[in-house]
Amino acid sequence: MYQDDVAYITRPKKNKPLFTFLTEFVIAVWTNSILGWAIADDVFDPRFFTYFTYAVGAYFYNFMGISEVEPYLNEFLIVFFLPIYMGLTVFVSVAIVVIVFNNDWVLIRDSIYGGADLTMGEVHTGDWIFHFFPPFILLAYCLVNYAPITTTNYFLWSDENKLPKIVYCCYVIVIPSLILGYYMLTMPFAENYPMKLRTWQICIMVFLLSVLIQVFYLLGSYSAAMNIGRHLVKHRENFRDNKV
């Protein structure tokens, strides 16, 4: 891709289809309502990475809503905030499966069978709301915003200078790992998520899983951006030929 191709692709229009707007509104209301309920009902505990990530999601959707009136903020969030939140929320949904498979006491302890006051049905529902709904919600958000997300990423990936892209790849891969590392060092990780593994084994598993998720994001981001770039450039060439 060349710079004149990039120049041809204008920034996304501010006016969005009604369906896109309604989807974003419902997602923001749902996420903030669940977070508000969790805080009010004394369920929210930032010492658990799951709740921390859910709060990050609420901030993400709120900031994205604000950015509707400021295209440059929107692009900034797409480039720098979206990959971090996506990596964290996918990590949570995958990690909880590994944790429960390794030690199902993580779920049982919060039920009446573990001395708490919740039924297994309530524990299971809460497990889905906080662990598995967020990735699906984020997927829906990205699908209805496919054009602005891929177009913004096209500006990034089509740059002929390799250094910014290398730095960006390092940013996307390293930051989630640093966040996870900081959490494991400062919070009672072993107590919150007990597993029948040694500490060094858990650290390696967490790091590898985080890096793998971020690499998949980068590959998907690049592929989608280049795909929409080819279509837009082809459209420009057809328009130029028809004009001539």
Protein backbone atom coordinates (compact mmCIF):
# COMPACT_ATOMS: atom_id res chain seq x y z
CA MET A 1 0.00 0.00 0.00
CA TYR A 2 1.18 3.49 -0.79
CA GLN A 3 0.66 6.84 0.81
CA ASP A 4 -1.69 8.05 -1.93
CA ASP A 5 -3.86 5.02 -1.17
CA VAL A 6 -3.97 6.06 2.47
CA ALA A 7 -4.81 9.62 1.53
CA TYR A 8 -7.76 8.37 -0.50
CA ILE A 9 -9.37 6.67 2.49
CA THR A 10 -11.14 9.34 4.49
CA ARG A 11 -11.94 9.04 8.17
CA PRO A 12 -15.23 7.39 9.09
CA LYS A 13 -18.28 9.62 9.02
CA LYS A 14 -19.73 10.73 12.33
CA ASN A 15 -23.26 9.71 11.37
CA LYS A 16 -23.73 6.02 12.08
CA PRO A 17 -26.58 3.71 11.09
CA LEU A 18 -29.38 3.51 13.65
CA PHE A 19 -28.71 -0.20 14.25
CA THR A 20 -25.05 0.52 15.08
CA PHE A 21 -25.99 3.32 17.45
CA LEU A 22 -28.61 1.20 19.22
CA THR A 23 -26.20 -1.72 19.55
CA GLU A 24 -23.54 0.51 21.10
CA PHE A 25 -26.14 2.03 23.44
CA VAL A 26 -27.44 -1.35 24.61
CA ILE A 27 -23.90 -2.64 25.18
CA ALA A 28 -22.93 0.43 27.22
CA VAL A 29 -26.12 0.30 29.31
CA TRP A 30 -25.76 -3.44 29.94
CA THR A 31 -22.09 -3.26 30.93
CA ASN A 32 -22.51 -0.27 33.22
CA SER A 33 -25.69 -1.70 34.77
CA ILE A 34 -24.01 -5.00 35.63
CA LEU A 35 -20.99 -3.18 37.04
CA GLY A 36 -23.25 -0.86 39.07
CA TRP A 37 -25.22 -3.81 40.43
CA ALA A 38 -22.01 -5.66 41.35
CA ILE A 39 -20.70 -2.64 43.24
CA ALA A 40 -24.02 -1.89 44.98
CA ASP A 41 -24.55 -5.52 45.99
CA ASP A 42 -20.97 -5.79 47.29
CA VAL A 43 -20.12 -8.41 44.67
CA PHE A 44 -17.44 -6.36 42.90
CA ASP A 45 -13.97 -7.06 44.24
CA PRO A 46 -11.00 -5.49 42.36
CA ARG A 47 -8.70 -8.09 43.90
CA PHE A 48 -10.16 -10.53 41.37
CA PHE A 49 -8.84 -10.00 37.86
CA THR A 50 -12.27 -10.84 36.43
CA TYR A 51 -13.92 -7.82 38.04
CA PHE A 52 -10.99 -5.58 37.22
CA THR A 53 -11.27 -6.52 33.54
CA TYR A 54 -15.04 -5.98 33.59
CA ALA A 55 -14.48 -2.47 34.94
CA VAL A 56 -11.95 -1.83 32.16
CA GLY A 57 -14.67 -2.85 29.70
CA ALA A 58 -17.10 -0.33 31.16
CA TYR A 59 -14.51 2.42 30.79
CA PHE A 60 -13.80 1.31 27.22
CA TYR A 61 -17.44 1.52 26.10
CA ASN A 62 -17.95 4.82 27.92
CA PHE A 63 -14.88 6.39 26.32
CA MET A 64 -15.88 5.04 22.92
CA GLY A 65 -19.29 6.66 23.35
CA ILE A 66 -17.66 10.00 24.19
CA SER A 67 -15.34 9.65 21.20
CA GLU A 68 -18.31 9.69 18.80
CA VAL A 69 -18.01 13.47 18.79
CA GLU A 70 -14.22 13.45 18.40
CA PRO A 71 -12.86 11.29 15.55
CA TYR A 72 -9.23 11.58 16.67
CA LEU A 73 -10.10 10.27 20.15
CA ASN A 74 -12.03 7.46 18.49
CA GLU A 75 -8.99 6.48 16.43
CA PHE A 76 -6.73 6.68 19.48
CA LEU A 77 -8.98 4.33 21.44
CA ILE A 78 -9.23 1.89 18.55
CA VAL A 79 -5.47 1.73 18.11
CA PHE A 80 -4.34 1.76 21.74
CA PHE A 81 -7.25 0.79 24.02
CA LEU A 82 -9.16 -1.81 21.98
CA PRO A 83 -6.32 -4.36 21.63
CA ILE A 84 -5.53 -4.19 25.35
CA TYR A 85 -9.12 -4.64 26.47
CA MET A 86 -9.76 -7.36 23.91
CA GLY A 87 -6.67 -9.23 25.07
CA LEU A 88 -7.65 -9.00 28.73
CA THR A 89 -11.27 -10.03 28.28
CA VAL A 90 -10.42 -12.99 26.03
CA PHE A 91 -7.71 -13.99 28.50
CA VAL A 92 -10.25 -14.02 31.35
CA SER A 93 -12.71 -16.20 29.44
CA VAL A 94 -10.01 -18.73 28.51
CA ALA A 95 -8.15 -18.69 31.82
CA ILE A 96 -11.26 -19.42 33.90
CA VAL A 97 -11.82 -22.62 31.91
CA VAL A 98 -8.27 -23.74 32.67
CA ILE A 99 -8.61 -22.76 36.34
CA VAL A 100 -11.94 -24.53 36.91
CA PHE A 101 -10.74 -27.62 35.05
CA ASN A 102 -7.70 -27.67 37.32
CA ASN A 103 -9.65 -26.93 40.52
CA ASP A 104 -13.47 -26.75 40.52
CA TRP A 105 -13.40 -25.46 44.10
CA VAL A 106 -13.10 -21.97 42.57
CA LEU A 107 -16.82 -22.17 41.71
CA ILE A 108 -18.01 -24.42 44.51
CA ARG A 109 -16.62 -22.17 47.29
CA ASP A 110 -19.08 -19.40 46.38
CA SER A 111 -22.10 -21.73 46.59
CA ILE A 112 -24.06 -23.28 49.45
CA TYR A 113 -21.86 -26.34 49.02
CA GLY A 114 -18.81 -24.26 49.89
CA GLY A 115 -20.33 -22.47 52.86
CA ALA A 116 -21.64 -19.42 50.97
CA ASP A 117 -25.28 -18.49 50.35
CA LEU A 118 -25.53 -18.82 46.54
CA THR A 119 -27.06 -21.71 44.65
CA MET A 120 -25.02 -23.41 41.95
CA GLY A 121 -27.41 -21.92 39.41
CA GLU A 122 -26.63 -18.41 40.65
CA VAL A 123 -22.89 -19.14 40.62
CA HIS A 124 -23.11 -20.52 37.09
CA THR A 125 -25.10 -17.48 35.88
CA GLY A 126 -22.64 -15.07 37.46
CA ASP A 127 -19.78 -17.04 35.96
CA TRP A 128 -21.23 -16.53 32.48
CA ILE A 129 -22.07 -12.86 33.02
CA PHE A 130 -18.56 -11.89 34.11
CA HIS A 131 -16.41 -14.41 32.26
CA PHE A 132 -18.08 -15.29 28.97
CA PHE A 133 -20.54 -12.52 28.07
CA PRO A 134 -17.83 -9.80 27.73
CA PRO A 135 -16.02 -11.43 24.74
CA PHE A 136 -19.33 -11.95 22.90
CA ILE A 137 -20.40 -8.39 23.68
CA LEU A 138 -17.07 -7.06 22.44
CA LEU A 139 -17.40 -9.18 19.29
CA ALA A 140 -20.83 -7.65 18.62
CA TYR A 141 -19.38 -4.17 19.18
CA CYS A 142 -16.53 -4.81 16.74
CA LEU A 143 -18.87 -6.26 14.11
CA VAL A 144 -21.16 -3.22 14.05
CA ASN A 145 -18.07 -0.99 13.98
CA TYR A 146 -16.14 -3.10 11.49
CA ALA A 147 -15.64 -0.28 8.97
CA PRO A 148 -14.22 2.41 11.31
CA ILE A 149 -12.06 -0.11 13.18
CA THR A 150 -10.52 -1.66 10.07
CA THR A 151 -10.13 1.70 8.32
CA THR A 152 -8.32 3.16 11.33
CA ASN A 153 -6.06 0.11 11.49
CA TYR A 154 -5.41 0.47 7.77
CA PHE A 155 -3.79 3.85 8.39
CA LEU A 156 -1.52 2.14 10.90
CA TRP A 157 -0.56 -0.98 8.93
CA SER A 158 -0.19 0.74 5.55
CA ASP A 159 2.62 2.98 6.81
CA GLU A 160 5.76 2.06 4.85
CA ASN A 161 7.95 2.83 7.86
CA LYS A 162 8.48 -0.47 9.69
CA LEU A 163 9.71 0.94 13.01
CA PRO A 164 6.31 2.33 14.20
CA LYS A 165 4.68 -1.00 13.37
CA ILE A 166 7.33 -2.93 15.28
CA VAL A 167 6.91 -0.63 18.29
CA TYR A 168 3.14 -1.01 18.08
CA CYS A 169 3.38 -4.81 17.98
CA CYS A 170 5.59 -4.71 21.07
CA TYR A 171 3.07 -2.44 22.79
CA VAL A 172 0.12 -4.72 22.04
CA ILE A 173 1.97 -7.84 23.19
CA VAL A 174 3.80 -6.46 26.23
CA ILE A 175 1.21 -4.22 27.94
CA PRO A 176 -1.35 -6.96 28.77
CA SER A 177 1.47 -9.14 30.11
CA LEU A 178 2.66 -6.27 32.30
CA ILE A 179 -0.87 -5.72 33.62
CA LEU A 180 -1.22 -9.42 34.41
CA GLY A 181 2.25 -9.51 35.96
CA TYR A 182 1.49 -6.49 38.16
CA TYR A 183 -1.77 -8.08 39.28
CA MET A 184 -0.08 -11.37 40.18
CA LEU A 185 2.57 -9.52 42.20
CA THR A 186 0.24 -7.16 44.08
CA MET A 187 -2.95 -9.20 44.52
CA PRO A 188 -3.57 -12.56 46.27
CA PHE A 189 -3.62 -14.42 42.95
CA ALA A 190 -2.92 -17.88 44.40
CA GLU A 191 -5.69 -17.40 46.98
CA ASN A 192 -8.24 -16.09 44.49
CA TYR A 193 -7.50 -18.67 41.82
CA PRO A 194 -6.04 -21.75 43.54
CA MET A 195 -4.64 -24.35 41.14
CA LYS A 196 -2.69 -27.57 41.49
CA LEU A 197 0.28 -26.05 39.73
CA ARG A 198 3.51 -24.51 40.92
CA THR A 199 3.91 -20.74 40.84
CA TRP A 200 6.45 -20.77 38.00
CA GLN A 201 4.18 -23.02 35.95
CA ILE A 202 1.26 -20.63 36.42
CA CYS A 203 3.42 -17.64 35.47
CA ILE A 204 4.58 -19.31 32.26
CA MET A 205 1.03 -20.36 31.39
CA VAL A 206 -0.32 -16.83 31.97
CA PHE A 207 2.45 -15.22 29.93
CA LEU A 208 2.17 -17.63 26.99
CA LEU A 209 -1.63 -17.39 26.89
CA SER A 210 -1.51 -13.59 26.96
CA VAL A 211 1.10 -13.41 24.19
CA LEU A 212 -0.80 -15.92 22.04
CA ILE A 213 -4.04 -13.94 22.31
CA GLN A 214 -2.30 -10.66 21.42
CA VAL A 215 -0.51 -12.22 18.43
CA PHE A 216 -3.85 -13.46 17.11
CA TYR A 217 -5.25 -9.94 17.54
CA LEU A 218 -2.38 -8.43 15.57
CA LEU A 219 -2.74 -10.97 12.77
CA GLY A 220 -6.50 -10.42 12.60
CA SER A 221 -6.12 -6.64 12.74
CA TYR A 222 -3.56 -6.65 9.93
CA SER A 223 -5.55 -9.04 7.75
CA ALA A 224 -8.82 -7.13 8.12
CA ALA A 225 -7.15 -3.75 7.57
CA MET A 226 -5.35 -4.87 4.44
CA ASN A 227 -8.52 -6.50 3.11
CA ILE A 228 -10.59 -3.34 3.43
CA GLY A 229 -7.64 -1.36 2.08
CA ARG A 230 -7.55 -3.43 -1.11
CA HIS A 231 -11.29 -2.95 -1.62
CA LEU A 232 -11.09 0.79 -1.10
CA VAL A 233 -8.09 1.19 -3.39
CA LYS A 234 -9.83 -0.90 -6.06
CA HIS A 235 -12.90 1.30 -5.69
CA ARG A 236 -10.72 4.37 -6.14
CA GLU A 237 -9.16 2.95 -9.29
CA ASN A 238 -12.58 2.03 -10.73
CA PHE A 239 -13.84 5.50 -9.92
CA ARG A 240 -10.80 7.04 -11.64
CA ASP A 241 -11.28 4.84 -14.74
CA ASN A 242 -14.98 5.65 -15.00
CA LYS A 243 -14.24 9.33 -14.58
CA VAL A 244 -11.75 9.22 -17.42
